[in-house]
Amino acid sequence: MEIIMNSNIPLRGLLSIILRSHRVFISRELGDLNLTDAQVACILRIHHKPGVTQDELAWFFQVDKGTIARTTGRLEERGFLRRRQDPENRRRYMLTLTEKGRSTIPIIMDAEKRWTELLFRNLNPQEQEAFTGLCRRLAEEAMEIRRSADD
């Protein structure tokens, strides 16, 4: 850990270290579900926004539409989600979780809670709250930068 603390690693590198470690942890915790990191992310996003379209997921995760189509297709094949045509635009698919998909939410959220507890174990509650608040603000700013670039 001292190498990281004493290095001049840019913000992107620090965030990458955290996210890669998270990916490994979640993969280990959710091993029985046999879900990829991308599939877990899609399940959570669909849970938070039922009826989201594949295009919206592609924009949200900043990946190409083909990647989302493959990821959601595998989730549909495995019974985690349902895709149905948008009645207003037949080329668009709206996504919702099946009962199987909904049943994974508590399992995923428990793993996320364990990760957060481990990650924050050496921070006091005020530091945890401050860090989370700053990350939320930075995430919102990053999304706004993306929206501006898309206009």
C-alpha atoms as a PDB file:
ATOM      1  CA  MET A   1       0.000   0.000   0.000  1.00  0.00           C
ATOM      2  CA  GLU A   2       2.871   2.371   0.677  1.00  0.00           C
ATOM      3  CA  ILE A   3       3.817   2.319  -3.009  1.00  0.00           C
ATOM      4  CA  ILE A   4       0.389   3.642  -3.938  1.00  0.00           C
ATOM      5  CA  MET A   5       0.348   6.253  -1.193  1.00  0.00           C
ATOM      6  CA  ASN A   6       3.777   7.611  -2.083  1.00  0.00           C
ATOM      7  CA  SER A   7       3.336   7.494  -5.842  1.00  0.00           C
ATOM      8  CA  ASN A   8       2.161  10.316  -7.997  1.00  0.00           C
ATOM      9  CA  ILE A   9      -0.660   8.305  -9.577  1.00  0.00           C
ATOM     10  CA  PRO A  10      -3.219  10.438 -11.430  1.00  0.00           C
ATOM     11  CA  LEU A  11      -6.864  10.335 -10.380  1.00  0.00           C
ATOM     12  CA  ARG A  12      -7.734   7.999 -13.261  1.00  0.00           C
ATOM     13  CA  GLY A  13      -5.170   5.475 -12.042  1.00  0.00           C
ATOM     14  CA  LEU A  14      -6.410   5.598  -8.461  1.00  0.00           C
ATOM     15  CA  LEU A  15     -10.008   5.120  -9.574  1.00  0.00           C
ATOM     16  CA  SER A  16      -8.902   2.271 -11.837  1.00  0.00           C
ATOM     17  CA  ILE A  17      -7.221   0.491  -8.911  1.00  0.00           C
ATOM     18  CA  ILE A  18     -10.405   0.777  -6.845  1.00  0.00           C
ATOM     19  CA  LEU A  19     -12.655  -0.381  -9.687  1.00  0.00           C
ATOM     20  CA  ARG A  20     -10.469  -3.341 -10.675  1.00  0.00           C
ATOM     21  CA  SER A  21     -10.313  -4.446  -7.043  1.00  0.00           C
ATOM     22  CA  HIS A  22     -14.100  -4.076  -6.821  1.00  0.00           C
ATOM     23  CA  ARG A  23     -14.568  -6.166  -9.961  1.00  0.00           C
ATOM     24  CA  VAL A  24     -12.438  -8.990  -8.527  1.00  0.00           C
ATOM     25  CA  PHE A  25     -14.229  -8.838  -5.162  1.00  0.00           C
ATOM     26  CA  ILE A  26     -17.733  -8.857  -6.688  1.00  0.00           C
ATOM     27  CA  SER A  27     -16.815 -11.655  -9.083  1.00  0.00           C
ATOM     28  CA  ARG A  28     -15.666 -13.750  -6.138  1.00  0.00           C
ATOM     29  CA  GLU A  29     -18.710 -12.880  -4.017  1.00  0.00           C
ATOM     30  CA  LEU A  30     -21.202 -13.568  -6.806  1.00  0.00           C
ATOM     31  CA  GLY A  31     -19.422 -16.628  -8.204  1.00  0.00           C
ATOM     32  CA  ASP A  32     -22.501 -18.852  -7.843  1.00  0.00           C
ATOM     33  CA  LEU A  33     -24.540 -16.520 -10.072  1.00  0.00           C
ATOM     34  CA  ASN A  34     -21.966 -16.805 -12.864  1.00  0.00           C
ATOM     35  CA  LEU A  35     -22.491 -13.185 -13.954  1.00  0.00           C
ATOM     36  CA  THR A  36     -19.931 -10.879 -15.515  1.00  0.00           C
ATOM     37  CA  ASP A  37     -19.262  -7.412 -14.149  1.00  0.00           C
ATOM     38  CA  ALA A  38     -21.086  -5.923 -17.154  1.00  0.00           C
ATOM     39  CA  GLN A  39     -24.093  -8.178 -16.577  1.00  0.00           C
ATOM     40  CA  VAL A  40     -24.262  -7.195 -12.904  1.00  0.00           C
ATOM     41  CA  ALA A  41     -24.082  -3.511 -13.890  1.00  0.00           C
ATOM     42  CA  CYS A  42     -26.916  -3.981 -16.405  1.00  0.00           C
ATOM     43  CA  ILE A  43     -29.080  -5.826 -13.875  1.00  0.00           C
ATOM     44  CA  LEU A  44     -28.616  -3.017 -11.355  1.00  0.00           C
ATOM     45  CA  ARG A  45     -29.359  -0.287 -13.896  1.00  0.00           C
ATOM     46  CA  ILE A  46     -32.499  -2.084 -15.137  1.00  0.00           C
ATOM     47  CA  HIS A  47     -33.571  -2.564 -11.513  1.00  0.00           C
ATOM     48  CA  HIS A  48     -33.189   1.177 -10.873  1.00  0.00           C
ATOM     49  CA  LYS A  49     -34.837   2.141 -14.169  1.00  0.00           C
ATOM     50  CA  PRO A  50     -37.325  -0.513 -15.354  1.00  0.00           C
ATOM     51  CA  GLY A  51     -38.163  -0.078 -19.021  1.00  0.00           C
ATOM     52  CA  VAL A  52     -34.768   1.394 -19.865  1.00  0.00           C
ATOM     53  CA  THR A  53     -33.823   0.856 -23.500  1.00  0.00           C
ATOM     54  CA  GLN A  54     -30.676  -0.769 -24.835  1.00  0.00           C
ATOM     55  CA  ASP A  55     -29.708   2.603 -26.361  1.00  0.00           C
ATOM     56  CA  GLU A  56     -30.017   4.285 -22.969  1.00  0.00           C
ATOM     57  CA  LEU A  57     -27.863   1.582 -21.387  1.00  0.00           C
ATOM     58  CA  ALA A  58     -25.240   1.996 -24.104  1.00  0.00           C
ATOM     59  CA  TRP A  59     -25.115   5.746 -23.469  1.00  0.00           C
ATOM     60  CA  PHE A  60     -25.107   5.351 -19.679  1.00  0.00           C
ATOM     61  CA  PHE A  61     -22.210   2.869 -19.701  1.00  0.00           C
ATOM     62  CA  GLN A  62     -20.477   4.535 -22.660  1.00  0.00           C
ATOM     63  CA  VAL A  63     -20.207   1.320 -24.671  1.00  0.00           C
ATOM     64  CA  ASP A  64     -21.329   0.541 -28.189  1.00  0.00           C
ATOM     65  CA  LYS A  65     -24.840  -0.700 -28.861  1.00  0.00           C
ATOM     66  CA  GLY A  66     -23.576  -4.101 -30.000  1.00  0.00           C
ATOM     67  CA  THR A  67     -21.915  -4.716 -26.632  1.00  0.00           C
ATOM     68  CA  ILE A  68     -25.155  -3.914 -24.807  1.00  0.00           C
ATOM     69  CA  ALA A  69     -27.162  -6.065 -27.221  1.00  0.00           C
ATOM     70  CA  ARG A  70     -24.864  -9.043 -26.537  1.00  0.00           C
ATOM     71  CA  THR A  71     -24.876  -8.481 -22.771  1.00  0.00           C
ATOM     72  CA  THR A  72     -28.650  -8.104 -22.535  1.00  0.00           C
ATOM     73  CA  GLY A  73     -29.144 -10.988 -24.961  1.00  0.00           C
ATOM     74  CA  ARG A  74     -27.175 -13.315 -22.688  1.00  0.00           C
ATOM     75  CA  LEU A  75     -29.121 -12.088 -19.659  1.00  0.00           C
ATOM     76  CA  GLU A  76     -32.370 -12.721 -21.506  1.00  0.00           C
ATOM     77  CA  GLU A  77     -31.248 -16.232 -22.557  1.00  0.00           C
ATOM     78  CA  ARG A  78     -30.389 -17.011 -18.946  1.00  0.00           C
ATOM     79  CA  GLY A  79     -33.764 -15.745 -17.710  1.00  0.00           C
ATOM     80  CA  PHE A  80     -32.622 -12.615 -15.841  1.00  0.00           C
ATOM     81  CA  LEU A  81     -34.415 -10.062 -17.995  1.00  0.00           C
ATOM     82  CA  ARG A  82     -37.130  -9.604 -20.535  1.00  0.00           C
ATOM     83  CA  ARG A  83     -36.808  -7.491 -23.671  1.00  0.00           C
ATOM     84  CA  ARG A  84     -39.950  -6.184 -25.306  1.00  0.00           C
ATOM     85  CA  GLN A  85     -40.419  -3.942 -28.269  1.00  0.00           C
ATOM     86  CA  ASP A  86     -41.218  -0.324 -27.527  1.00  0.00           C
ATOM     87  CA  PRO A  87     -44.733   0.220 -28.934  1.00  0.00           C
ATOM     88  CA  GLU A  88     -43.754   3.767 -29.949  1.00  0.00           C
ATOM     89  CA  ASN A  89     -40.558   2.701 -31.753  1.00  0.00           C
ATOM     90  CA  ARG A  90     -40.436  -0.904 -32.925  1.00  0.00           C
ATOM     91  CA  ARG A  91     -36.649  -0.763 -33.378  1.00  0.00           C
ATOM     92  CA  ARG A  92     -36.169  -0.082 -29.674  1.00  0.00           C
ATOM     93  CA  TYR A  93     -36.329  -2.644 -26.870  1.00  0.00           C
ATOM     94  CA  MET A  94     -37.410  -1.867 -23.321  1.00  0.00           C
ATOM     95  CA  LEU A  95     -35.823  -3.978 -20.602  1.00  0.00           C
ATOM     96  CA  THR A  96     -37.271  -5.264 -17.344  1.00  0.00           C
ATOM     97  CA  LEU A  97     -36.062  -7.838 -14.849  1.00  0.00           C
ATOM     98  CA  THR A  98     -37.741 -11.201 -14.514  1.00  0.00           C
ATOM     99  CA  GLU A  99     -38.403 -12.762 -11.134  1.00  0.00           C
ATOM    100  CA  LYS A 100     -35.011 -14.475 -11.433  1.00  0.00           C
ATOM    101  CA  GLY A 101     -33.370 -11.118 -12.153  1.00  0.00           C
ATOM    102  CA  ARG A 102     -35.156  -9.412  -9.253  1.00  0.00           C
ATOM    103  CA  SER A 103     -34.100 -12.232  -6.918  1.00  0.00           C
ATOM    104  CA  THR A 104     -30.432 -11.393  -7.590  1.00  0.00           C
ATOM    105  CA  ILE A 105     -30.795  -7.796  -6.368  1.00  0.00           C
ATOM    106  CA  PRO A 106     -30.534  -8.554  -2.613  1.00  0.00           C
ATOM    107  CA  ILE A 107     -27.549 -10.844  -3.268  1.00  0.00           C
ATOM    108  CA  ILE A 108     -25.777  -8.183  -5.325  1.00  0.00           C
ATOM    109  CA  MET A 109     -26.614  -5.454  -2.820  1.00  0.00           C
ATOM    110  CA  ASP A 110     -25.289  -7.561   0.082  1.00  0.00           C
ATOM    111  CA  ALA A 111     -22.006  -8.055  -1.793  1.00  0.00           C
ATOM    112  CA  GLU A 112     -21.837  -4.326  -2.543  1.00  0.00           C
ATOM    113  CA  LYS A 113     -22.445  -3.563   1.129  1.00  0.00           C
ATOM    114  CA  ARG A 114     -19.618  -5.912   2.180  1.00  0.00           C
ATOM    115  CA  TRP A 115     -17.294  -4.247  -0.359  1.00  0.00           C
ATOM    116  CA  THR A 116     -18.147  -0.783   0.931  1.00  0.00           C
ATOM    117  CA  GLU A 117     -17.643  -1.852   4.547  1.00  0.00           C
ATOM    118  CA  LEU A 118     -14.235  -3.318   3.719  1.00  0.00           C
ATOM    119  CA  LEU A 119     -13.182  -0.348   1.594  1.00  0.00           C
ATOM    120  CA  PHE A 120     -14.243   2.170   4.249  1.00  0.00           C
ATOM    121  CA  ARG A 121     -13.086   0.214   7.310  1.00  0.00           C
ATOM    122  CA  ASN A 122     -10.271   2.681   8.055  1.00  0.00           C
ATOM    123  CA  LEU A 123     -12.374   5.801   7.514  1.00  0.00           C
ATOM    124  CA  ASN A 124     -14.556   7.374  10.168  1.00  0.00           C
ATOM    125  CA  PRO A 125     -18.252   8.031   9.376  1.00  0.00           C
ATOM    126  CA  GLN A 126     -17.600  11.694   8.513  1.00  0.00           C
ATOM    127  CA  GLU A 127     -14.836  10.733   6.064  1.00  0.00           C
ATOM    128  CA  GLN A 128     -17.065   8.076   4.530  1.00  0.00           C
ATOM    129  CA  GLU A 129     -19.914  10.536   4.068  1.00  0.00           C
ATOM    130  CA  ALA A 130     -17.605  13.235   2.685  1.00  0.00           C
ATOM    131  CA  PHE A 131     -15.970  10.817   0.245  1.00  0.00           C
ATOM    132  CA  THR A 132     -19.305   9.459  -0.968  1.00  0.00           C
ATOM    133  CA  GLY A 133     -20.715  12.968  -1.369  1.00  0.00           C
ATOM    134  CA  LEU A 134     -17.678  14.124  -3.344  1.00  0.00           C
ATOM    135  CA  CYS A 135     -17.813  11.047  -5.582  1.00  0.00           C
ATOM    136  CA  ARG A 136     -21.513  11.667  -6.234  1.00  0.00           C
ATOM    137  CA  ARG A 137     -20.790  15.281  -7.198  1.00  0.00           C
ATOM    138  CA  LEU A 138     -17.919  14.215  -9.465  1.00  0.00           C
ATOM    139  CA  ALA A 139     -20.090  11.538 -11.105  1.00  0.00           C
ATOM    140  CA  GLU A 140     -22.807  14.110 -11.765  1.00  0.00           C
ATOM    141  CA  GLU A 141     -20.217  16.496 -13.212  1.00  0.00           C
ATOM    142  CA  ALA A 142     -18.791  13.739 -15.412  1.00  0.00           C
ATOM    143  CA  MET A 143     -22.286  12.936 -16.718  1.00  0.00           C
ATOM    144  CA  GLU A 144     -22.866  16.624 -17.451  1.00  0.00           C
ATOM    145  CA  ILE A 145     -19.569  16.811 -19.363  1.00  0.00           C
ATOM    146  CA  ARG A 146     -20.715  13.830 -21.445  1.00  0.00           C
ATOM    147  CA  ARG A 147     -24.120  15.418 -22.101  1.00  0.00           C
ATOM    148  CA  SER A 148     -22.446  18.653 -23.232  1.00  0.00           C
ATOM    149  CA  ALA A 149     -20.114  16.730 -25.532  1.00  0.00           C
ATOM    150  CA  ASP A 150     -23.081  14.859 -27.044  1.00  0.00           C
ATOM    151  CA  ASP A 151     -24.964  18.093 -27.869  1.00  0.00           C
END
